[in-house]
Protein backbone atom coordinates (compact mmCIF):
# COMPACT_ATOMS: atom_id res chain seq x y z
CA MET A 1 143.03 95.48 97.73
CA LYS A 2 144.47 98.57 96.00
CA LEU A 3 142.14 101.50 95.30
CA LYS A 4 143.45 101.49 91.73
CA GLU A 5 142.12 97.97 91.13
CA LEU A 6 138.76 98.79 92.68
CA ILE A 7 138.06 101.91 90.67
CA GLU A 8 138.83 100.13 87.39
CA GLN A 9 135.20 98.94 87.64
CA LEU A 10 133.88 102.52 87.49
CA THR A 11 133.22 105.35 85.09
CA ILE A 12 135.39 108.11 86.55
CA TYR A 13 135.04 111.85 86.07
CA SER A 14 138.20 112.71 87.99
CA ALA A 15 140.74 111.16 90.35
CA GLN A 16 142.92 113.07 92.82
CA GLY A 17 145.59 111.64 95.09
CA ASN A 18 147.45 108.33 95.40
CA VAL A 19 145.29 105.55 93.97
CA ASN A 20 147.75 102.88 95.14
CA VAL A 21 146.47 103.13 98.70
CA ASP A 22 145.31 99.85 100.31
CA ILE A 23 141.57 99.46 100.91
CA THR A 24 140.50 97.05 103.67
CA GLY A 25 136.77 97.77 103.74
CA ILE A 26 133.91 99.81 102.25
CA SER A 27 131.39 102.00 104.03
CA MET A 28 128.70 104.59 103.24
CA ASN A 29 128.08 105.58 106.87
CA SER A 30 130.72 107.72 108.56
CA ARG A 31 129.68 106.30 111.96
CA GLU A 32 130.60 102.80 110.78
CA VAL A 33 133.92 103.66 109.13
CA LYS A 34 136.96 101.65 110.22
CA GLN A 35 140.64 102.24 109.59
CA GLY A 36 141.47 101.51 105.96
CA ASP A 37 137.95 101.94 104.61
CA LEU A 38 136.84 103.48 101.34
CA PHE A 39 134.04 105.96 102.14
CA VAL A 40 131.35 106.23 99.45
CA CYS A 41 129.37 109.49 99.49
CA ILE A 42 125.92 108.70 98.14
CA SER A 43 123.56 111.58 97.38
CA GLY A 44 120.57 112.00 99.64
CA ILE A 45 116.94 111.09 98.99
CA PRO A 46 114.58 113.46 100.85
CA GLY A 47 112.80 111.68 103.67
CA LEU A 48 114.64 108.42 103.02
CA GLN A 49 118.42 108.76 103.10
CA GLU A 50 120.82 111.51 104.09
CA ASP A 51 123.42 112.98 101.75
CA ARG A 52 126.82 111.63 102.85
CA HIS A 53 129.03 114.30 101.29
CA PRO A 54 128.96 116.56 104.40
CA TYR A 55 130.47 113.74 106.46
CA ILE A 56 133.74 113.32 104.59
CA ASP A 57 135.86 114.91 107.34
CA HIS A 58 134.18 112.74 109.97
CA ALA A 59 134.85 109.63 107.88
CA ILE A 60 138.52 110.57 107.41
CA LYS A 61 138.95 111.11 111.14
CA ALA A 62 137.42 107.67 111.70
CA GLY A 63 139.99 106.06 109.41
CA ALA A 64 138.77 106.38 105.81
CA VAL A 65 141.77 106.35 103.44
CA ALA A 66 139.88 107.30 100.25
CA VAL A 67 136.50 108.72 99.25
CA ILE A 68 134.10 108.35 96.32
CA VAL A 69 132.04 111.47 95.55
CA GLU A 70 129.39 112.61 93.06
CA ARG A 71 130.18 116.31 93.15
CA ASP A 72 133.18 118.57 93.68
CA VAL A 73 133.84 118.31 97.41
CA SER A 74 137.18 119.11 98.99
CA ALA A 75 138.87 116.48 101.12
CA ASN A 76 141.65 119.01 101.71
CA GLY A 77 144.15 116.73 100.01
CA LYS A 78 144.03 114.36 102.99
CA VAL A 79 142.96 111.27 101.04
CA PRO A 80 142.47 110.24 97.40
CA THR A 81 139.15 111.51 96.01
CA ILE A 82 137.37 109.83 93.10
CA LYS A 83 134.44 111.58 91.39
CA VAL A 84 131.84 109.39 89.67
CA PRO A 85 128.45 110.02 87.99
CA ASN A 86 126.46 107.82 90.41
CA ALA A 87 127.89 106.89 93.80
CA ARG A 88 125.07 104.42 94.58
CA PHE A 89 125.83 102.32 91.52
CA ALA A 90 129.54 102.74 92.20
CA LEU A 91 129.02 101.38 95.72
CA ALA A 92 127.40 98.24 94.30
CA LEU A 93 130.10 97.68 91.68
CA LEU A 94 132.91 98.30 94.17
CA SER A 95 131.35 96.00 96.78
CA SER A 96 130.78 93.05 94.44
CA HIS A 97 134.38 93.28 93.19
CA PHE A 98 135.87 93.79 96.66
CA TYR A 99 134.17 90.64 97.96
CA GLY A 100 135.01 88.57 94.88
CA TYR A 101 131.57 88.32 93.24
CA PRO A 102 130.28 85.75 95.76
CA SER A 103 126.87 85.33 94.09
CA GLN A 104 128.65 83.54 91.24
CA GLU A 105 129.68 80.78 93.66
CA LEU A 106 126.18 79.95 94.95
CA LYS A 107 122.65 79.85 93.55
CA LEU A 108 120.88 83.11 94.29
CA ILE A 109 117.07 83.22 94.29
CA GLY A 110 115.45 86.67 94.37
CA VAL A 111 111.83 87.11 95.48
CA THR A 112 110.04 90.35 94.59
CA GLY A 113 106.46 91.62 94.81
CA THR A 114 104.28 93.87 96.92
CA ASN A 115 103.02 91.20 99.32
CA GLY A 116 104.25 87.74 100.19
CA LYS A 117 108.01 88.22 99.78
CA THR A 118 108.93 87.17 103.30
CA THR A 119 106.62 84.15 103.51
CA THR A 120 107.53 82.93 100.03
CA SER A 121 111.26 83.33 100.72
CA HIS A 122 111.02 81.38 103.95
CA ILE A 123 109.03 78.55 102.35
CA ILE A 124 111.56 78.26 99.50
CA GLU A 125 114.45 78.22 101.95
CA PHE A 126 112.72 75.59 104.10
CA ILE A 127 112.06 73.27 101.14
CA LEU A 128 115.66 73.61 99.95
CA GLY A 129 116.91 72.83 103.45
CA TYR A 130 114.55 69.88 103.70
CA ALA A 131 116.08 68.60 100.45
CA LEU A 132 119.45 68.68 102.28
CA TYR A 133 120.90 71.76 100.61
CA ARG A 134 122.86 74.26 102.69
CA THR A 135 120.87 77.49 102.69
CA GLY A 136 121.08 81.20 103.42
CA LEU A 137 118.30 83.76 103.66
CA MET A 138 118.26 87.56 103.41
CA GLY A 139 115.21 89.73 103.97
CA ASN A 140 112.78 91.40 106.32
CA LEU A 141 113.75 89.32 109.34
CA GLY A 142 117.50 89.64 108.80
CA THR A 143 120.26 87.45 107.37
CA LYS A 144 120.31 83.73 108.09
CA ILE A 145 123.43 81.70 107.36
CA GLY A 146 122.89 78.12 108.43
CA ASN A 147 121.37 78.44 111.89
CA THR A 148 122.81 81.90 112.61
CA ILE A 149 120.54 84.95 112.20
CA ARG A 150 121.69 88.58 112.09
CA LYS A 151 119.14 91.39 112.24
CA SER A 152 118.92 93.99 109.46
CA ASN A 153 116.97 97.24 109.12
CA LEU A 154 116.42 96.77 105.36
CA ASN A 155 114.73 94.01 103.36
CA THR A 156 117.31 94.44 100.60
CA GLN A 157 120.56 95.49 102.25
CA GLU A 158 122.94 98.17 101.08
CA PRO A 159 125.46 96.70 98.60
CA HIS A 160 128.53 96.57 100.84
CA LYS A 161 126.63 94.69 103.56
CA LEU A 162 124.76 92.52 101.07
CA GLN A 163 127.98 91.44 99.33
CA ALA A 164 129.72 90.87 102.68
CA ASN A 165 126.91 88.53 103.73
CA LEU A 166 127.03 86.68 100.41
CA ALA A 167 130.78 86.29 100.91
CA ARG A 168 130.15 84.80 104.36
CA MET A 169 127.71 82.36 102.78
CA LYS A 170 130.33 81.41 100.20
CA GLU A 171 132.85 80.77 103.01
CA CYS A 172 130.26 78.56 104.73
CA SER A 173 129.74 76.55 101.50
CA ILE A 174 126.10 77.64 101.20
CA ASP A 175 124.38 76.10 98.15
CA TYR A 176 121.43 78.51 97.87
CA CYS A 177 120.69 82.01 99.11
CA VAL A 178 117.06 83.17 99.01
CA MET A 179 116.80 86.97 99.02
CA GLU A 180 113.90 89.41 99.28
CA VAL A 181 114.38 92.01 96.54
CA THR A 182 112.43 95.23 97.00
CA SER A 183 111.50 97.79 94.35
CA GLN A 184 113.51 100.46 96.19
CA GLY A 185 116.49 98.13 96.42
CA LEU A 186 116.30 97.53 92.67
CA ASP A 187 115.86 101.21 91.84
CA MET A 188 118.79 102.20 94.08
CA GLY A 189 121.04 99.60 92.48
CA ARG A 190 121.63 97.59 95.64
CA VAL A 191 121.69 94.28 93.77
CA ILE A 192 123.99 95.42 90.96
CA GLY A 193 126.77 92.84 90.88
CA CYS A 194 124.46 90.03 92.01
CA GLU A 195 124.00 87.11 89.64
CA PHE A 196 120.54 85.63 90.15
CA ARG A 197 119.74 82.06 89.22
CA THR A 198 116.00 82.54 89.76
CA ALA A 199 113.67 85.54 90.08
CA VAL A 200 110.27 84.97 91.71
CA PHE A 201 107.30 87.35 91.38
CA THR A 202 104.48 87.27 93.95
CA ASN A 203 102.09 90.12 93.04
CA LEU A 204 101.90 93.85 92.33
CA THR A 205 99.51 96.27 94.06
CA GLY A 206 99.69 99.96 94.99
CA ASP A 207 102.57 100.54 97.42
CA HIS A 208 105.71 102.66 97.74
CA LEU A 209 104.19 105.29 95.46
CA ASP A 210 105.63 107.94 97.78
CA TYR A 211 109.00 106.81 96.41
CA HIS A 212 108.22 105.68 92.84
CA GLY A 213 105.59 108.32 92.05
CA THR A 214 103.53 106.21 89.64
CA MET A 215 102.48 102.57 89.27
CA ASP A 216 104.36 102.43 85.97
CA ASN A 217 107.59 103.41 87.70
CA TYR A 218 106.89 100.87 90.42
CA LEU A 219 106.21 98.17 87.83
CA MET A 220 109.39 98.88 85.90
CA ALA A 221 111.50 98.83 89.06
CA LYS A 222 110.25 95.30 89.69
CA ALA A 223 110.69 94.44 86.01
CA SER A 224 114.39 95.27 86.14
CA LEU A 225 115.02 92.10 88.16
CA PHE A 226 113.65 89.93 85.34
CA ALA A 227 115.20 91.98 82.54
CA ARG A 228 118.67 91.36 83.96
CA MET A 229 118.39 87.56 84.03
CA GLY A 230 120.22 86.98 80.72
CA ASN A 231 119.93 84.19 78.18
CA THR A 232 119.56 80.85 79.94
CA TYR A 233 119.18 78.22 77.27
CA SER A 234 122.25 76.22 78.24
CA SER A 235 122.85 72.47 78.11
CA ASP A 236 124.47 72.80 81.54
CA PRO A 237 121.65 72.74 84.16
CA SER A 238 123.77 74.75 86.61
CA LYS A 239 123.84 77.65 84.11
CA GLN A 240 120.09 77.80 83.53
CA LYS A 241 118.05 80.69 84.91
CA PHE A 242 114.37 80.82 85.79
CA ALA A 243 111.60 83.40 86.12
CA ILE A 244 108.75 82.23 88.37
CA LEU A 245 105.65 84.27 87.52
CA ASN A 246 102.15 84.59 89.01
CA VAL A 247 99.94 84.10 85.95
CA ASP A 248 96.94 85.60 87.78
CA ASP A 249 98.68 88.98 88.07
CA PRO A 250 98.76 91.11 84.87
CA ALA A 251 102.26 92.39 85.70
CA SER A 252 103.59 88.94 84.85
CA ASP A 253 102.93 89.62 81.16
CA VAL A 254 105.36 92.54 81.29
CA PHE A 255 108.02 90.51 83.10
CA HIS A 256 107.56 87.58 80.72
CA ASN A 257 108.20 89.83 77.72
CA LEU A 258 111.31 91.37 79.29
CA THR A 259 113.14 88.25 80.41
CA THR A 260 115.11 85.65 78.51
CA ALA A 261 115.04 83.30 81.50
CA GLN A 262 113.06 80.08 81.34
CA VAL A 263 109.57 81.04 82.55
CA ILE A 264 107.57 78.84 84.93
CA THR A 265 104.07 80.11 85.75
CA TYR A 266 101.88 79.41 88.76
CA GLY A 267 98.33 80.37 89.62
CA ILE A 268 94.80 79.46 90.60
CA ASN A 269 92.46 81.23 88.18
CA HIS A 270 94.30 80.78 84.89
CA SER A 271 96.09 77.88 83.25
CA ALA A 272 99.66 77.64 84.54
CA ASP A 273 102.62 75.27 84.81
CA VAL A 274 101.93 74.90 88.54
CA MET A 275 98.30 75.16 89.70
CA ALA A 276 96.17 74.64 92.81
CA THR A 277 92.71 73.08 92.48
CA ASP A 278 90.13 71.86 95.00
CA ILE A 279 91.38 74.30 97.64
CA GLN A 280 90.09 73.55 101.15
CA LEU A 281 90.61 76.14 103.91
CA THR A 282 90.12 75.47 107.61
CA THR A 283 91.16 77.15 110.86
CA LYS A 284 93.91 74.52 111.15
CA GLY A 285 95.46 74.85 107.72
CA THR A 286 95.05 74.41 103.98
CA LYS A 287 94.74 71.49 101.58
CA PHE A 288 94.70 71.53 97.78
CA ARG A 289 95.35 69.38 94.74
CA LEU A 290 98.55 70.37 92.97
CA VAL A 291 98.57 70.03 89.18
CA SER A 292 101.99 70.66 87.66
CA PHE A 293 104.35 69.81 84.82
CA ALA A 294 106.06 67.43 87.27
CA GLY A 295 102.87 65.59 88.18
CA MET A 296 99.97 65.82 90.62
CA GLU A 297 100.05 65.72 94.39
CA THR A 298 97.87 66.49 97.41
CA ILE A 299 99.43 69.37 99.35
CA GLU A 300 98.65 70.07 103.02
CA TYR A 301 100.19 72.62 105.37
CA ASN A 302 99.29 74.47 108.55
CA MET A 303 99.04 78.03 107.16
CA ILE A 304 95.62 79.57 106.74
CA ASP A 305 93.89 81.86 104.20
CA ALA A 306 93.69 81.70 100.42
CA PHE A 307 96.44 84.25 99.72
CA ASN A 308 99.02 81.87 101.18
CA VAL A 309 98.17 79.37 98.44
CA TYR A 310 99.92 81.73 96.01
CA ASN A 311 103.00 81.91 98.25
CA VAL A 312 103.12 78.13 98.47
CA LEU A 313 102.66 77.74 94.70
CA ALA A 314 105.52 80.17 94.04
CA ALA A 315 107.74 78.15 96.37
CA ILE A 316 106.71 74.86 94.76
CA ALA A 317 107.44 76.22 91.27
CA THR A 318 110.87 77.37 92.44
CA ALA A 319 111.63 74.00 94.03
CA LEU A 320 110.53 72.18 90.87
CA ALA A 321 112.88 74.37 88.83
CA GLU A 322 115.65 72.98 91.04
CA GLN A 323 114.42 69.45 90.28
CA ILE A 324 113.37 68.70 93.84
CA PRO A 325 110.95 65.73 93.74
CA LEU A 326 107.27 66.42 94.41
CA ARG A 327 107.19 63.92 97.29
CA VAL A 328 109.98 65.85 99.04
CA ILE A 329 108.17 69.16 98.47
CA ARG A 330 104.90 67.69 99.82
CA GLN A 331 106.58 66.34 102.94
CA ALA A 332 108.47 69.58 103.56
CA LEU A 333 105.28 71.65 103.36
CA SER A 334 103.51 69.32 105.77
CA GLU A 335 106.21 70.09 108.35
CA TYR A 336 106.62 73.80 107.60
CA THR A 337 105.94 76.29 110.43
CA ASN A 338 104.85 79.76 109.33
CA VAL A 339 107.01 82.87 109.69
CA THR A 340 106.59 84.80 112.93
CA GLY A 341 104.04 87.59 112.42
CA ARG A 342 102.78 86.27 109.07
CA MET A 343 99.26 84.91 109.70
CA GLU A 344 100.77 83.34 112.81
CA ILE A 345 98.20 81.30 114.73
CA ILE A 346 98.19 82.06 118.46
CA ASP A 347 97.09 79.05 120.49
CA ALA A 348 96.40 79.81 124.14
CA SER A 349 93.55 77.29 124.50
CA GLN A 350 91.09 80.07 123.67
CA ASP A 351 87.68 79.47 122.06
CA SER A 352 88.23 81.82 119.11
CA LEU A 353 90.85 81.88 116.35
CA VAL A 354 93.59 84.47 116.93
CA ASN A 355 96.42 85.25 114.55
CA VAL A 356 99.08 87.92 114.18
CA ASP A 357 99.88 89.28 110.73
CA TYR A 358 102.13 91.97 109.26
CA ALA A 359 99.67 92.96 106.46
CA HIS A 360 101.45 96.23 105.59
CA THR A 361 99.33 97.19 102.57
CA THR A 362 95.63 97.81 101.88
CA ASP A 363 95.48 94.80 99.56
CA ALA A 364 97.11 92.60 102.18
CA LEU A 365 94.40 93.58 104.65
CA LYS A 366 91.63 92.99 102.10
CA ASN A 367 92.90 89.48 101.43
CA ARG A 368 92.90 88.48 105.10
């Protein structure tokens, strides 16, 4: 693809050099640059990410044929240099265009929240697979395309890698991709260019304040996922969009007011579209009575603790939005095996109950 075509997506302050050069890849890490790449120089975030502008020469030596910058930096006339107001957002726009907007060719489900993203994502993906859809998964444990898993060091990947993985899913005729969407990923624009069919909210508690500064900033970063959903009232079911909200968490009121997606609520303590009643917890698993707009059903699964009821309800609400029958959802949950390291029961014929859990926040520990 020509650089000229790529940069038509951007607001440009200045452009130097031959913009008709061929671009064969995109990178933001000079150590990963390959011949023919466009090197995007993002600005640094103290303690989180390094400024990439000092590595332009290294990237050029590695094969970069053009660079995107945020400030006046000399490339010594070696390659075309494009200056933009925000290189992070530019990276997302460039990546989605370069890979042909793959999220438009599959149904993308984003899961956000402080706790429960990984478990909820995996349950949704399992139910969809059980209903015979071809599925992909992106999150804390890596990228799964069919039965192939690739490790990742970020829950929400950088745009060029995220879009490349979505493009691979498109090539594999994946029907649904379930993606963990973090507040940092949203704030940094990593999912710009992604078209979500459904956004799922788990909960909001104090976390990542070292990055966001205040709870309001944290809340609004999460809210941006729902605000971007667009108007969904279409007669074509494939064009409809959904916001799956935890009615027991006050943040859901904010998200509800900001989205034009069709809202489906779930909860335990307040009236909702999808509810759990008569919850029974044992050391072997959980059983509850599901009351929903699609009917009632007895749900049983082998995960323990009350907090997982919310994760299961969020997954059920998402599956119902996709018109998966309750009997299929019930059967899928009865066969579901929990995610490694998420309230994982360790059975070594011991007398006591032992489980391993990630529990990365204070609230997650309190709820165990």
